[in-house]
Amino acid sequence: MTELVDVILGGTFHAAVLFLVAAGLQLVFGVQKLVNLACGSFYALGAYFGITAVGLAIKLGMPPLLFFPVLVLAGLAIGLVGLPIERVLRTIYRRDESYQLLITFGFLLMFQDAFRYLWGATPRTMDNVYLVYGTADVLGVRVPTYNLLVIAASVAIAAGLGYFLERTRTGRIVRATAENRDMAEGLGVNASKIFALVFTVGCMLGTVGGALVVPSGAASLDMAVELVVESFAVVVIGGLGSMRGAIVGALIVGLMRAASILLMPELEMLSVYLVVVIVLIVRPVGLFGKATA
C-alpha cells in the first residue's frame, strides 16, 4: 500500500511540473499553430533564474518560508522573455512547419550557450528550499511538503488558465483567434497582440515549471532537451492543441515513470515511449485530439 501511495504521489509531482510545460506548448500550438521546440529551454531558464532569485533572497535576509513564492515570481518575471522571442517568430507563422522547427531549435541551441556562459556547465542545486518546508504524512508515507506545494500550485494554475480561457472576454477572443484568425481579424481583433499574449503566457508556464522543480533536483544543461522529449510525449498522448490532453498525458507520463523507477528503473523512459507508440497506433490524433481535414 505504501509503495502504491509513493508511486502516485511521486508520479503526480512529476506530472504537475510536466503539465506546466506541456500546457504552454499546447496553448501556443492551439492558438498560433506553432510547434515550439524551445519549450524545454524556457523550463531550464526558469530553473536557473529561480536559483539566482533564491540566492538573492538569501542575501537580503528573507525568511526561508518565502522561498516558494520567490520561485513563482522569478518564473513569472523571466517568462517575459517570451515577448521579444515572439517578435522574431512572427515572420514564420504562416510559413511551412519546417521553418518553425528550425528557428525554435535554433533558439534551443542559443539558450544552451547562454546557460553555459551565465551559470556554467556544472549542475546547480538548491537543497535549502526543498528541505525547509519539512515533510507531511500522507496515508502512512512521508512526503516532502514542497512536493505537495508544487502539486497544489500546478492545480491552481490549471484552474486559473481554464477560467481565463473560458470565462473572460480576452480568453474568448483568444479562442476565437485560435478557431479562425482571419475571421477574428476581420471583426477587429488585433491578432498580433493576441499572439504576443499567448506566447508569453506559454513561456511563463514553462519558466514557472522550471523554477518550481529545481529545488527537488538540479539545473543542468541537459534538462532542456530532456524536457522537450517528455513534453512532446505528453502532447502525442493527450492530443496536439488539447488542454485536457495535457493534463491526462502528463499524469500518464508521470505515473508511468514513477512506477517504472520502482519496479524496473532500466525501463523508465521505454515505458513512456511504449504508451506513445500504442496511442499513435490506436488513435493517431491523441486521446483528446481532433482530426483535421
C-alpha atoms as a PDB file:
ATOM      1  CA  MET A   1       0.000   0.000   0.000  1.00  0.00           C
ATOM      2  CA  THR A   2       2.762   2.424   0.945  1.00  0.00           C
ATOM      3  CA  GLU A   3       4.602   1.702  -2.315  1.00  0.00           C
ATOM      4  CA  LEU A   4       1.425   2.447  -4.304  1.00  0.00           C
ATOM      5  CA  VAL A   5       0.924   5.752  -2.487  1.00  0.00           C
ATOM      6  CA  ASP A   6       4.583   6.614  -3.035  1.00  0.00           C
ATOM      7  CA  VAL A   7       4.251   5.942  -6.789  1.00  0.00           C
ATOM      8  CA  ILE A   8       1.069   8.002  -7.044  1.00  0.00           C
ATOM      9  CA  LEU A   9       2.492  10.977  -5.150  1.00  0.00           C
ATOM     10  CA  GLY A  10       5.865  10.861  -6.901  1.00  0.00           C
ATOM     11  CA  GLY A  11       4.238  10.471 -10.303  1.00  0.00           C
ATOM     12  CA  THR A  12       1.766  13.271  -9.612  1.00  0.00           C
ATOM     13  CA  PHE A  13       4.594  15.610  -8.588  1.00  0.00           C
ATOM     14  CA  HIS A  14       6.432  14.965 -11.844  1.00  0.00           C
ATOM     15  CA  ALA A  15       3.176  15.278 -13.776  1.00  0.00           C
ATOM     16  CA  ALA A  16       2.422  18.629 -12.122  1.00  0.00           C
ATOM     17  CA  VAL A  17       5.660  20.124 -13.423  1.00  0.00           C
ATOM     18  CA  LEU A  18       5.388  18.403 -16.789  1.00  0.00           C
ATOM     19  CA  PHE A  19       1.852  19.710 -17.224  1.00  0.00           C
ATOM     20  CA  LEU A  20       3.004  23.326 -16.928  1.00  0.00           C
ATOM     21  CA  VAL A  21       5.473  22.954 -19.794  1.00  0.00           C
ATOM     22  CA  ALA A  22       3.097  20.859 -21.918  1.00  0.00           C
ATOM     23  CA  ALA A  23       0.233  23.295 -21.282  1.00  0.00           C
ATOM     24  CA  GLY A  24       2.380  26.127 -22.623  1.00  0.00           C
ATOM     25  CA  LEU A  25       3.223  24.015 -25.663  1.00  0.00           C
ATOM     26  CA  GLN A  26      -0.453  23.171 -26.220  1.00  0.00           C
ATOM     27  CA  LEU A  27      -1.592  26.769 -25.759  1.00  0.00           C
ATOM     28  CA  VAL A  28       0.906  28.129 -28.275  1.00  0.00           C
ATOM     29  CA  PHE A  29       0.100  25.484 -30.855  1.00  0.00           C
ATOM     30  CA  GLY A  30      -3.647  25.725 -30.304  1.00  0.00           C
ATOM     31  CA  VAL A  31      -3.707  29.472 -30.999  1.00  0.00           C
ATOM     32  CA  GLN A  32      -0.646  30.166 -33.149  1.00  0.00           C
ATOM     33  CA  LYS A  33      -0.243  26.748 -34.819  1.00  0.00           C
ATOM     34  CA  LEU A  34       3.423  26.951 -33.823  1.00  0.00           C
ATOM     35  CA  VAL A  35       5.411  23.840 -32.873  1.00  0.00           C
ATOM     36  CA  ASN A  36       7.832  25.199 -30.283  1.00  0.00           C
ATOM     37  CA  LEU A  37      10.960  23.099 -29.767  1.00  0.00           C
ATOM     38  CA  ALA A  38      12.327  25.788 -27.439  1.00  0.00           C
ATOM     39  CA  CYS A  39       9.797  24.961 -24.685  1.00  0.00           C
ATOM     40  CA  GLY A  40      12.458  22.973 -22.819  1.00  0.00           C
ATOM     41  CA  SER A  41      14.761  25.998 -22.872  1.00  0.00           C
ATOM     42  CA  PHE A  42      12.125  28.112 -21.124  1.00  0.00           C
ATOM     43  CA  TYR A  43      11.884  25.379 -18.488  1.00  0.00           C
ATOM     44  CA  ALA A  44      15.665  25.386 -17.969  1.00  0.00           C
ATOM     45  CA  LEU A  45      15.725  29.199 -17.947  1.00  0.00           C
ATOM     46  CA  GLY A  46      13.168  29.213 -15.134  1.00  0.00           C
ATOM     47  CA  ALA A  47      15.266  26.730 -13.168  1.00  0.00           C
ATOM     48  CA  TYR A  48      18.488  28.721 -13.473  1.00  0.00           C
ATOM     49  CA  PHE A  49      16.803  32.039 -12.782  1.00  0.00           C
ATOM     50  CA  GLY A  50      14.993  30.527  -9.792  1.00  0.00           C
ATOM     51  CA  ILE A  51      18.344  29.588  -8.260  1.00  0.00           C
ATOM     52  CA  THR A  52      19.601  33.135  -8.828  1.00  0.00           C
ATOM     53  CA  ALA A  53      16.442  34.656  -7.313  1.00  0.00           C
ATOM     54  CA  VAL A  54      16.590  32.489  -4.182  1.00  0.00           C
ATOM     55  CA  GLY A  55      20.291  33.274  -3.792  1.00  0.00           C
ATOM     56  CA  LEU A  56      19.424  36.968  -3.896  1.00  0.00           C
ATOM     57  CA  ALA A  57      16.597  36.423  -1.381  1.00  0.00           C
ATOM     58  CA  ILE A  58      19.035  34.730   0.999  1.00  0.00           C
ATOM     59  CA  LYS A  59      21.448  37.666   0.736  1.00  0.00           C
ATOM     60  CA  LEU A  60      18.586  40.052   1.502  1.00  0.00           C
ATOM     61  CA  GLY A  61      17.760  38.074   4.652  1.00  0.00           C
ATOM     62  CA  MET A  62      14.315  36.871   3.573  1.00  0.00           C
ATOM     63  CA  PRO A  63      12.846  34.066   5.716  1.00  0.00           C
ATOM     64  CA  PRO A  64      13.110  30.589   4.131  1.00  0.00           C
ATOM     65  CA  LEU A  65       9.334  30.111   4.116  1.00  0.00           C
ATOM     66  CA  LEU A  66       9.081  32.833   1.454  1.00  0.00           C
ATOM     67  CA  PHE A  67      11.347  30.980  -0.969  1.00  0.00           C
ATOM     68  CA  PHE A  68       8.410  29.242  -2.649  1.00  0.00           C
ATOM     69  CA  PRO A  69       6.632  32.479  -3.664  1.00  0.00           C
ATOM     70  CA  VAL A  70      10.041  33.870  -4.673  1.00  0.00           C
ATOM     71  CA  LEU A  71      10.431  30.955  -7.096  1.00  0.00           C
ATOM     72  CA  VAL A  72       6.946  31.508  -8.535  1.00  0.00           C
ATOM     73  CA  LEU A  73       7.583  35.228  -9.017  1.00  0.00           C
ATOM     74  CA  ALA A  74      11.006  34.519 -10.530  1.00  0.00           C
ATOM     75  CA  GLY A  75       9.420  32.145 -13.039  1.00  0.00           C
ATOM     76  CA  LEU A  76       6.757  34.695 -13.982  1.00  0.00           C
ATOM     77  CA  ALA A  77       9.285  37.516 -14.317  1.00  0.00           C
ATOM     78  CA  ILE A  78      11.773  35.680 -16.519  1.00  0.00           C
ATOM     79  CA  GLY A  79       8.873  34.375 -18.614  1.00  0.00           C
ATOM     80  CA  LEU A  80       8.586  37.873 -20.073  1.00  0.00           C
ATOM     81  CA  VAL A  81      11.493  36.875 -22.316  1.00  0.00           C
ATOM     82  CA  GLY A  82       8.740  35.421 -24.472  1.00  0.00           C
ATOM     83  CA  LEU A  83       7.803  38.898 -25.713  1.00  0.00           C
ATOM     84  CA  PRO A  84      10.958  39.605 -27.777  1.00  0.00           C
ATOM     85  CA  ILE A  85      11.140  35.983 -28.913  1.00  0.00           C
ATOM     86  CA  GLU A  86       7.567  36.166 -30.215  1.00  0.00           C
ATOM     87  CA  ARG A  87       8.507  39.232 -32.248  1.00  0.00           C
ATOM     88  CA  VAL A  88      11.137  37.151 -34.038  1.00  0.00           C
ATOM     89  CA  LEU A  89       8.749  34.243 -34.588  1.00  0.00           C
ATOM     90  CA  ARG A  90       6.120  36.437 -36.275  1.00  0.00           C
ATOM     91  CA  THR A  91       7.992  36.120 -39.544  1.00  0.00           C
ATOM     92  CA  ILE A  92       7.293  32.370 -39.804  1.00  0.00           C
ATOM     93  CA  TYR A  93       3.696  31.993 -38.543  1.00  0.00           C
ATOM     94  CA  ARG A  94       2.200  31.435 -41.993  1.00  0.00           C
ATOM     95  CA  ARG A  95       5.169  29.545 -43.389  1.00  0.00           C
ATOM     96  CA  ASP A  96       5.842  25.815 -43.593  1.00  0.00           C
ATOM     97  CA  GLU A  97       6.257  23.893 -40.300  1.00  0.00           C
ATOM     98  CA  SER A  98       9.876  23.150 -41.170  1.00  0.00           C
ATOM     99  CA  TYR A  99      10.713  26.839 -40.670  1.00  0.00           C
ATOM    100  CA  GLN A 100       9.093  26.727 -37.219  1.00  0.00           C
ATOM    101  CA  LEU A 101      11.081  23.656 -36.212  1.00  0.00           C
ATOM    102  CA  LEU A 102      14.361  25.124 -37.460  1.00  0.00           C
ATOM    103  CA  ILE A 103      14.032  28.524 -35.804  1.00  0.00           C
ATOM    104  CA  THR A 104      12.771  27.188 -32.460  1.00  0.00           C
ATOM    105  CA  PHE A 105      15.517  24.548 -32.463  1.00  0.00           C
ATOM    106  CA  GLY A 106      17.939  27.396 -33.130  1.00  0.00           C
ATOM    107  CA  PHE A 107      16.623  29.179 -30.048  1.00  0.00           C
ATOM    108  CA  LEU A 108      17.155  25.994 -28.033  1.00  0.00           C
ATOM    109  CA  LEU A 109      20.818  25.880 -29.075  1.00  0.00           C
ATOM    110  CA  MET A 110      21.269  29.595 -28.372  1.00  0.00           C
ATOM    111  CA  PHE A 111      19.803  29.198 -24.885  1.00  0.00           C
ATOM    112  CA  GLN A 112      22.168  26.287 -24.214  1.00  0.00           C
ATOM    113  CA  ASP A 113      25.148  28.534 -24.893  1.00  0.00           C
ATOM    114  CA  ALA A 114      23.609  31.342 -22.812  1.00  0.00           C
ATOM    115  CA  PHE A 115      23.144  28.970 -19.843  1.00  0.00           C
ATOM    116  CA  ARG A 116      26.740  27.778 -20.150  1.00  0.00           C
ATOM    117  CA  TYR A 117      28.009  31.358 -20.271  1.00  0.00           C
ATOM    118  CA  LEU A 118      25.888  32.756 -17.414  1.00  0.00           C
ATOM    119  CA  TRP A 119      25.704  29.803 -14.999  1.00  0.00           C
ATOM    120  CA  GLY A 120      28.471  27.479 -16.136  1.00  0.00           C
ATOM    121  CA  ALA A 121      28.394  23.836 -17.222  1.00  0.00           C
ATOM    122  CA  THR A 122      28.276  22.400 -13.684  1.00  0.00           C
ATOM    123  CA  PRO A 123      24.774  21.441 -12.441  1.00  0.00           C
ATOM    124  CA  ARG A 124      23.403  23.881  -9.856  1.00  0.00           C
ATOM    125  CA  THR A 125      21.406  22.672  -6.836  1.00  0.00           C
ATOM    126  CA  MET A 126      19.280  24.330  -4.168  1.00  0.00           C
ATOM    127  CA  ASP A 127      18.588  21.844  -1.343  1.00  0.00           C
ATOM    128  CA  ASN A 128      17.842  24.524   1.243  1.00  0.00           C
ATOM    129  CA  VAL A 129      14.428  25.240  -0.290  1.00  0.00           C
ATOM    130  CA  TYR A 130      13.439  21.606  -0.661  1.00  0.00           C
ATOM    131  CA  LEU A 131      14.095  20.763   2.985  1.00  0.00           C
ATOM    132  CA  VAL A 132      12.916  23.934   4.702  1.00  0.00           C
ATOM    133  CA  TYR A 133       9.210  23.016   4.496  1.00  0.00           C
ATOM    134  CA  GLY A 134       9.690  19.639   6.171  1.00  0.00           C
ATOM    135  CA  THR A 135       7.604  16.540   5.420  1.00  0.00           C
ATOM    136  CA  ALA A 136       3.951  15.561   5.653  1.00  0.00           C
ATOM    137  CA  ASP A 137       2.300  12.202   6.347  1.00  0.00           C
ATOM    138  CA  VAL A 138       0.022  11.045   3.520  1.00  0.00           C
ATOM    139  CA  LEU A 139      -1.602   7.633   4.114  1.00  0.00           C
ATOM    140  CA  GLY A 140       1.422   6.459   6.083  1.00  0.00           C
ATOM    141  CA  VAL A 141       4.000   7.774   3.608  1.00  0.00           C
ATOM    142  CA  ARG A 142       6.325  10.643   4.480  1.00  0.00           C
ATOM    143  CA  VAL A 143       6.273  13.094   1.589  1.00  0.00           C
ATOM    144  CA  PRO A 144       8.236  16.347   1.251  1.00  0.00           C
ATOM    145  CA  THR A 145       5.804  19.176   1.854  1.00  0.00           C
ATOM    146  CA  TYR A 146       7.420  21.031  -1.024  1.00  0.00           C
ATOM    147  CA  ASN A 147       6.129  18.364  -3.442  1.00  0.00           C
ATOM    148  CA  LEU A 148       2.583  18.945  -2.222  1.00  0.00           C
ATOM    149  CA  LEU A 149       3.008  22.703  -2.651  1.00  0.00           C
ATOM    150  CA  VAL A 150       4.119  22.227  -6.264  1.00  0.00           C
ATOM    151  CA  ILE A 151       1.141  19.946  -6.979  1.00  0.00           C
ATOM    152  CA  ALA A 152      -1.229  22.489  -5.420  1.00  0.00           C
ATOM    153  CA  ALA A 153       0.355  25.335  -7.404  1.00  0.00           C
ATOM    154  CA  SER A 154       0.021  23.384 -10.648  1.00  0.00           C
ATOM    155  CA  VAL A 155      -3.651  22.644  -9.953  1.00  0.00           C
ATOM    156  CA  ALA A 156      -4.270  26.319  -9.154  1.00  0.00           C
ATOM    157  CA  ILE A 157      -2.521  27.427 -12.362  1.00  0.00           C
ATOM    158  CA  ALA A 158      -4.527  24.912 -14.410  1.00  0.00           C
ATOM    159  CA  ALA A 159      -7.774  26.167 -12.854  1.00  0.00           C
ATOM    160  CA  GLY A 160      -6.780  29.797 -13.424  1.00  0.00           C
ATOM    161  CA  LEU A 161      -5.843  29.105 -17.033  1.00  0.00           C
ATOM    162  CA  GLY A 162      -9.134  27.336 -17.628  1.00  0.00           C
ATOM    163  CA  TYR A 163     -11.071  30.215 -16.086  1.00  0.00           C
ATOM    164  CA  PHE A 164      -9.153  32.736 -18.194  1.00  0.00           C
ATOM    165  CA  LEU A 165      -9.850  30.913 -21.453  1.00  0.00           C
ATOM    166  CA  GLU A 166     -13.490  30.066 -20.737  1.00  0.00           C
ATOM    167  CA  ARG A 167     -14.872  32.927 -18.643  1.00  0.00           C
ATOM    168  CA  THR A 168     -13.039  36.136 -19.549  1.00  0.00           C
ATOM    169  CA  ARG A 169     -13.505  38.400 -22.561  1.00  0.00           C
ATOM    170  CA  THR A 170      -9.831  38.162 -23.500  1.00  0.00           C
ATOM    171  CA  GLY A 171      -9.984  34.393 -23.204  1.00  0.00           C
ATOM    172  CA  ARG A 172     -12.924  34.236 -25.587  1.00  0.00           C
ATOM    173  CA  ILE A 173     -11.007  36.409 -28.052  1.00  0.00           C
ATOM    174  CA  VAL A 174      -8.049  34.034 -27.748  1.00  0.00           C
ATOM    175  CA  ARG A 175     -10.279  31.054 -28.521  1.00  0.00           C
ATOM    176  CA  ALA A 176     -11.889  32.875 -31.440  1.00  0.00           C
ATOM    177  CA  THR A 177      -8.453  33.692 -32.862  1.00  0.00           C
ATOM    178  CA  ALA A 178      -7.432  30.061 -32.473  1.00  0.00           C
ATOM    179  CA  GLU A 179     -10.556  28.946 -34.338  1.00  0.00           C
ATOM    180  CA  ASN A 180     -10.245  31.365 -37.269  1.00  0.00           C
ATOM    181  CA  ARG A 181      -7.561  34.017 -37.287  1.00  0.00           C
ATOM    182  CA  ASP A 182      -8.729  35.715 -40.490  1.00  0.00           C
ATOM    183  CA  MET A 183     -12.328  35.980 -39.280  1.00  0.00           C
ATOM    184  CA  ALA A 184     -11.198  37.357 -35.914  1.00  0.00           C
ATOM    185  CA  GLU A 185      -9.046  39.978 -37.622  1.00  0.00           C
ATOM    186  CA  GLY A 186     -11.982  40.876 -39.857  1.00  0.00           C
ATOM    187  CA  LEU A 187     -14.021  41.579 -36.716  1.00  0.00           C
ATOM    188  CA  GLY A 188     -11.369  43.956 -35.397  1.00  0.00           C
ATOM    189  CA  VAL A 189      -9.207  41.648 -33.272  1.00  0.00           C
ATOM    190  CA  ASN A 190      -5.512  42.556 -33.174  1.00  0.00           C
ATOM    191  CA  ALA A 191      -4.112  39.072 -33.776  1.00  0.00           C
ATOM    192  CA  SER A 192      -0.524  40.232 -33.261  1.00  0.00           C
ATOM    193  CA  LYS A 193      -1.285  41.312 -29.683  1.00  0.00           C
ATOM    194  CA  ILE A 194      -3.174  38.077 -29.011  1.00  0.00           C
ATOM    195  CA  PHE A 195      -0.244  36.043 -30.317  1.00  0.00           C
ATOM    196  CA  ALA A 196       2.193  38.018 -28.154  1.00  0.00           C
ATOM    197  CA  LEU A 197      -0.014  37.420 -25.098  1.00  0.00           C
ATOM    198  CA  VAL A 198      -0.441  33.709 -25.789  1.00  0.00           C
ATOM    199  CA  PHE A 199       3.246  33.057 -26.473  1.00  0.00           C
ATOM    200  CA  THR A 200       4.299  34.963 -23.347  1.00  0.00           C
ATOM    201  CA  VAL A 201       1.811  33.053 -21.188  1.00  0.00           C
ATOM    202  CA  GLY A 202       3.064  29.795 -22.691  1.00  0.00           C
ATOM    203  CA  CYS A 203       6.628  30.847 -21.962  1.00  0.00           C
ATOM    204  CA  MET A 204       5.700  31.754 -18.374  1.00  0.00           C
ATOM    205  CA  LEU A 205       4.143  28.335 -17.813  1.00  0.00           C
ATOM    206  CA  GLY A 206       7.454  26.751 -18.792  1.00  0.00           C
ATOM    207  CA  THR A 207       9.629  29.066 -16.711  1.00  0.00           C
ATOM    208  CA  VAL A 208       7.417  28.669 -13.632  1.00  0.00           C
ATOM    209  CA  GLY A 209       7.607  24.897 -14.044  1.00  0.00           C
ATOM    210  CA  GLY A 210      11.401  25.044 -14.179  1.00  0.00           C
ATOM    211  CA  ALA A 211      11.624  27.361 -11.185  1.00  0.00           C
ATOM    212  CA  LEU A 212       9.401  25.090  -9.097  1.00  0.00           C
ATOM    213  CA  VAL A 213      11.153  21.829  -9.953  1.00  0.00           C
ATOM    214  CA  VAL A 214      14.765  22.912  -9.395  1.00  0.00           C
ATOM    215  CA  PRO A 215      14.769  22.592  -5.563  1.00  0.00           C
ATOM    216  CA  SER A 216      13.989  18.872  -5.925  1.00  0.00           C
ATOM    217  CA  GLY A 217      16.756  18.263  -8.447  1.00  0.00           C
ATOM    218  CA  ALA A 218      19.351  20.348 -10.211  1.00  0.00           C
ATOM    219  CA  ALA A 219      19.552  22.875 -13.009  1.00  0.00           C
ATOM    220  CA  SER A 220      21.732  21.459 -15.780  1.00  0.00           C
ATOM    221  CA  LEU A 221      22.402  21.916 -19.472  1.00  0.00           C
ATOM    222  CA  ASP A 222      20.716  18.593 -20.251  1.00  0.00           C
ATOM    223  CA  MET A 223      17.352  19.413 -18.707  1.00  0.00           C
ATOM    224  CA  ALA A 224      16.104  21.464 -21.668  1.00  0.00           C
ATOM    225  CA  VAL A 225      16.476  18.637 -24.194  1.00  0.00           C
ATOM    226  CA  GLU A 226      15.150  16.016 -21.777  1.00  0.00           C
ATOM    227  CA  LEU A 227      12.042  18.094 -21.117  1.00  0.00           C
ATOM    228  CA  VAL A 228      11.396  18.652 -24.837  1.00  0.00           C
ATOM    229  CA  VAL A 229      11.230  14.871 -25.322  1.00  0.00           C
ATOM    230  CA  GLU A 230       8.875  14.349 -22.385  1.00  0.00           C
ATOM    231  CA  SER A 231       6.678  17.310 -23.310  1.00  0.00           C
ATOM    232  CA  PHE A 232       6.151  16.017 -26.828  1.00  0.00           C
ATOM    233  CA  ALA A 233       5.362  12.583 -25.391  1.00  0.00           C
ATOM    234  CA  VAL A 234       2.630  14.257 -23.329  1.00  0.00           C
ATOM    235  CA  VAL A 235       1.356  16.099 -26.410  1.00  0.00           C
ATOM    236  CA  VAL A 236       1.272  12.927 -28.517  1.00  0.00           C
ATOM    237  CA  ILE A 237      -0.606  11.018 -25.818  1.00  0.00           C
ATOM    238  CA  GLY A 238      -3.072  13.782 -24.973  1.00  0.00           C
ATOM    239  CA  GLY A 239      -3.533  15.232 -28.447  1.00  0.00           C
ATOM    240  CA  LEU A 240      -1.927  18.297 -30.009  1.00  0.00           C
ATOM    241  CA  GLY A 241      -3.713  21.504 -29.018  1.00  0.00           C
ATOM    242  CA  SER A 242      -5.851  19.934 -26.243  1.00  0.00           C
ATOM    243  CA  MET A 243      -5.512  21.310 -22.707  1.00  0.00           C
ATOM    244  CA  ARG A 244      -7.374  18.322 -21.243  1.00  0.00           C
ATOM    245  CA  GLY A 245      -4.944  16.158 -23.164  1.00  0.00           C
ATOM    246  CA  ALA A 246      -2.034  17.963 -21.486  1.00  0.00           C
ATOM    247  CA  ILE A 247      -3.435  17.100 -18.043  1.00  0.00           C
ATOM    248  CA  VAL A 248      -4.135  13.442 -18.831  1.00  0.00           C
ATOM    249  CA  GLY A 249      -0.928  12.988 -20.818  1.00  0.00           C
ATOM    250  CA  ALA A 250       1.192  14.488 -18.033  1.00  0.00           C
ATOM    251  CA  LEU A 251      -0.436  12.185 -15.463  1.00  0.00           C
ATOM    252  CA  ILE A 252       0.161   9.126 -17.636  1.00  0.00           C
ATOM    253  CA  VAL A 253       3.811  10.006 -18.237  1.00  0.00           C
ATOM    254  CA  GLY A 254       4.419  10.930 -14.591  1.00  0.00           C
ATOM    255  CA  LEU A 255       2.806   7.798 -13.173  1.00  0.00           C
ATOM    256  CA  MET A 256       4.449   5.501 -15.728  1.00  0.00           C
ATOM    257  CA  ARG A 257       7.871   6.895 -14.900  1.00  0.00           C
ATOM    258  CA  ALA A 258       7.299   6.624 -11.149  1.00  0.00           C
ATOM    259  CA  ALA A 259       6.080   3.016 -11.445  1.00  0.00           C
ATOM    260  CA  SER A 260       8.994   2.069 -13.700  1.00  0.00           C
ATOM    261  CA  ILE A 261      11.550   3.591 -11.312  1.00  0.00           C
ATOM    262  CA  LEU A 262      10.097   1.443  -8.506  1.00  0.00           C
ATOM    263  CA  LEU A 263       9.722  -1.813 -10.439  1.00  0.00           C
ATOM    264  CA  MET A 264      12.423  -1.676 -13.131  1.00  0.00           C
ATOM    265  CA  PRO A 265      14.450   1.551 -13.430  1.00  0.00           C
ATOM    266  CA  GLU A 266      16.004   0.438 -16.719  1.00  0.00           C
ATOM    267  CA  LEU A 267      12.589   0.766 -18.405  1.00  0.00           C
ATOM    268  CA  GLU A 268      11.872   4.263 -17.084  1.00  0.00           C
ATOM    269  CA  MET A 269      11.719   6.028 -20.464  1.00  0.00           C
ATOM    270  CA  LEU A 270      10.937   2.923 -22.518  1.00  0.00           C
ATOM    271  CA  SER A 271       7.613   2.572 -20.685  1.00  0.00           C
ATOM    272  CA  VAL A 272       6.668   6.126 -21.684  1.00  0.00           C
ATOM    273  CA  TYR A 273       7.594   5.571 -25.337  1.00  0.00           C
ATOM    274  CA  LEU A 274       5.626   2.326 -25.323  1.00  0.00           C
ATOM    275  CA  VAL A 275       2.494   4.258 -24.377  1.00  0.00           C
ATOM    276  CA  VAL A 276       3.275   6.813 -27.099  1.00  0.00           C
ATOM    277  CA  VAL A 277       3.570   4.056 -29.721  1.00  0.00           C
ATOM    278  CA  ILE A 278       0.300   2.425 -28.604  1.00  0.00           C
ATOM    279  CA  VAL A 279      -1.549   5.758 -28.754  1.00  0.00           C
ATOM    280  CA  LEU A 280      -0.145   6.520 -32.224  1.00  0.00           C
ATOM    281  CA  ILE A 281      -1.325   3.118 -33.482  1.00  0.00           C
ATOM    282  CA  VAL A 282      -4.766   3.120 -31.853  1.00  0.00           C
ATOM    283  CA  ARG A 283      -5.597   6.850 -32.015  1.00  0.00           C
ATOM    284  CA  PRO A 284      -3.032   8.865 -34.002  1.00  0.00           C
ATOM    285  CA  VAL A 285      -4.551  12.256 -33.057  1.00  0.00           C
ATOM    286  CA  GLY A 286      -4.138  11.513 -29.329  1.00  0.00           C
ATOM    287  CA  LEU A 287      -6.678  10.784 -26.609  1.00  0.00           C
ATOM    288  CA  PHE A 288      -8.307  14.231 -26.817  1.00  0.00           C
ATOM    289  CA  GLY A 289      -7.030  15.446 -30.175  1.00  0.00           C
ATOM    290  CA  LYS A 290      -9.283  16.317 -33.105  1.00  0.00           C
ATOM    291  CA  ALA A 291      -8.686  15.015 -36.588  1.00  0.00           C
ATOM    292  CA  THR A 292      -8.083  17.742 -39.163  1.00  0.00           C
ATOM    293  CA  ALA A 293      -9.356  17.673 -42.685  1.00  0.00           C
END
